[in-house]
Amino acid sequence: PEMTEMSIDEILNGIPGSDYQGLIALVRDYLRGQDDVEADTMCTLSNYWQLLSQRASGKLKTNARWIRDFVTSHSSYKHDSVVSEEAVYDLLVAIDQIQKGVRKDPSLFVKAEK
């Protein structure tokens, strides 16, 4: 069997101009062919697939990328690989606010389809 090195984007979203459609499309097409998958379930899954697809392609930030960007852009960070208590505190506050819906960051989430 032939093996090809692929990025996570190519694995999940496929390779343009090739026969490989990507894992997300493969699973989506399989589930569409099943009689016992409800429309609500497919809608929910579609939102997750869109999130995975956009994070894999770099259109949305992963949690790790968002945290790195937050720390490196913090006013107390001196680009010496030392994360101050102030930066850690502000990071935890920001994460808590995002989790509670108080802080919106469009670089992390896809707008859910209704």
Protein backbone atom coordinates (compact mmCIF):
# COMPACT_ATOMS: atom_id res chain seq x y z
CA PRO A 1 0.00 0.00 0.00
CA GLU A 2 1.10 3.53 -0.79
CA MET A 3 1.54 5.90 2.14
CA THR A 4 1.38 9.66 1.96
CA GLU A 5 2.38 12.11 4.66
CA MET A 6 -0.50 14.49 5.38
CA SER A 7 -1.19 17.39 7.70
CA ILE A 8 -4.10 17.24 10.15
CA ASP A 9 -5.92 19.63 7.79
CA GLU A 10 -5.50 17.19 4.88
CA ILE A 11 -6.50 14.20 7.02
CA LEU A 12 -9.72 15.83 8.20
CA ASN A 13 -10.61 18.06 5.22
CA GLY A 14 -9.15 16.16 2.29
CA ILE A 15 -6.64 17.04 -0.38
CA PRO A 16 -7.88 19.41 -3.10
CA GLY A 17 -7.53 17.94 -6.56
CA SER A 18 -7.21 14.36 -5.31
CA ASP A 19 -9.56 11.45 -4.72
CA TYR A 20 -9.10 11.74 -0.94
CA GLN A 21 -12.12 13.61 0.41
CA GLY A 22 -11.08 13.71 4.07
CA LEU A 23 -12.20 11.96 7.21
CA ILE A 24 -14.97 14.44 8.02
CA ALA A 25 -16.62 14.00 4.62
CA LEU A 26 -16.23 10.23 4.85
CA VAL A 27 -17.98 10.05 8.24
CA ARG A 28 -20.65 12.58 7.18
CA ASP A 29 -21.46 10.63 4.01
CA TYR A 30 -21.58 7.35 5.95
CA LEU A 31 -24.00 8.74 8.54
CA ARG A 32 -26.20 10.31 5.85
CA GLY A 33 -26.65 6.82 4.44
CA GLN A 34 -27.92 5.47 7.77
CA ASP A 35 -31.67 5.40 8.36
CA ASP A 36 -31.51 5.76 12.15
CA VAL A 37 -29.66 9.09 12.43
CA GLU A 38 -32.07 11.90 13.29
CA ALA A 39 -31.90 15.33 11.66
CA ASP A 40 -31.19 17.02 15.02
CA THR A 41 -28.24 14.69 15.57
CA MET A 42 -26.86 15.44 12.10
CA CYS A 43 -27.22 19.18 12.75
CA THR A 44 -25.32 18.90 16.03
CA LEU A 45 -22.63 16.78 14.41
CA SER A 46 -22.39 19.23 11.53
CA ASN A 47 -21.52 22.02 13.99
CA TYR A 48 -18.78 19.86 15.54
CA TRP A 49 -17.42 18.90 12.11
CA GLN A 50 -17.30 22.56 11.13
CA LEU A 51 -15.38 23.38 14.33
CA LEU A 52 -12.91 20.53 13.75
CA SER A 53 -12.51 21.43 10.09
CA GLN A 54 -11.81 25.10 10.76
CA ARG A 55 -9.42 24.39 13.62
CA ALA A 56 -7.52 21.86 11.51
CA SER A 57 -7.25 24.33 8.62
CA GLY A 58 -6.14 27.19 10.87
CA LYS A 59 -9.25 29.31 10.22
CA LEU A 60 -10.02 29.06 13.94
CA LYS A 61 -7.50 28.95 16.76
CA THR A 62 -7.03 25.83 18.82
CA ASN A 63 -7.17 26.30 22.59
CA ALA A 64 -3.39 25.90 22.75
CA ARG A 65 -2.80 28.56 20.07
CA TRP A 66 -5.18 30.95 21.83
CA ILE A 67 -3.37 30.45 25.17
CA ARG A 68 0.06 30.98 23.56
CA ASP A 69 -1.15 34.14 21.84
CA PHE A 70 -2.72 35.42 25.07
CA VAL A 71 0.47 34.89 27.08
CA THR A 72 2.88 36.25 24.47
CA SER A 73 0.77 39.39 24.00
CA HIS A 74 0.31 40.00 27.73
CA SER A 75 1.88 43.24 28.97
CA SER A 76 3.88 41.45 31.68
CA TYR A 77 5.42 38.86 29.34
CA LYS A 78 9.08 39.63 28.58
CA HIS A 79 9.60 36.97 25.86
CA ASP A 80 11.90 35.01 28.16
CA SER A 81 9.67 31.91 28.52
CA VAL A 82 8.73 32.95 32.07
CA VAL A 83 5.00 33.43 32.57
CA SER A 84 4.30 35.84 35.42
CA GLU A 85 1.65 35.30 38.07
CA GLU A 86 -0.16 38.33 36.65
CA ALA A 87 -0.34 36.75 33.18
CA VAL A 88 -1.49 33.42 34.60
CA TYR A 89 -4.18 35.14 36.66
CA ASP A 90 -5.40 37.17 33.68
CA LEU A 91 -5.39 34.01 31.53
CA LEU A 92 -7.51 32.11 34.05
CA VAL A 93 -9.94 35.03 34.34
CA ALA A 94 -10.24 35.18 30.54
CA ILE A 95 -10.84 31.42 30.28
CA ASP A 96 -13.49 31.61 33.04
CA GLN A 97 -15.21 34.50 31.24
CA ILE A 98 -15.22 32.60 27.94
CA GLN A 99 -16.63 29.50 29.63
CA LYS A 100 -19.40 31.57 31.24
CA GLY A 101 -20.20 33.35 27.97
CA VAL A 102 -19.21 36.76 29.35
CA ARG A 103 -16.25 37.11 27.02
CA LYS A 104 -16.71 36.41 23.31
CA ASP A 105 -13.75 35.45 21.16
CA PRO A 106 -14.69 34.71 17.54
CA SER A 107 -11.23 33.25 16.88
CA LEU A 108 -12.19 30.19 18.96
CA PHE A 109 -15.71 29.26 17.93
CA VAL A 110 -17.87 28.71 14.87
CA LYS A 111 -21.28 30.33 14.85
CA ALA A 112 -23.68 27.47 15.49
CA GLU A 113 -26.16 26.78 12.72
CA LYS A 114 -29.77 26.65 13.84
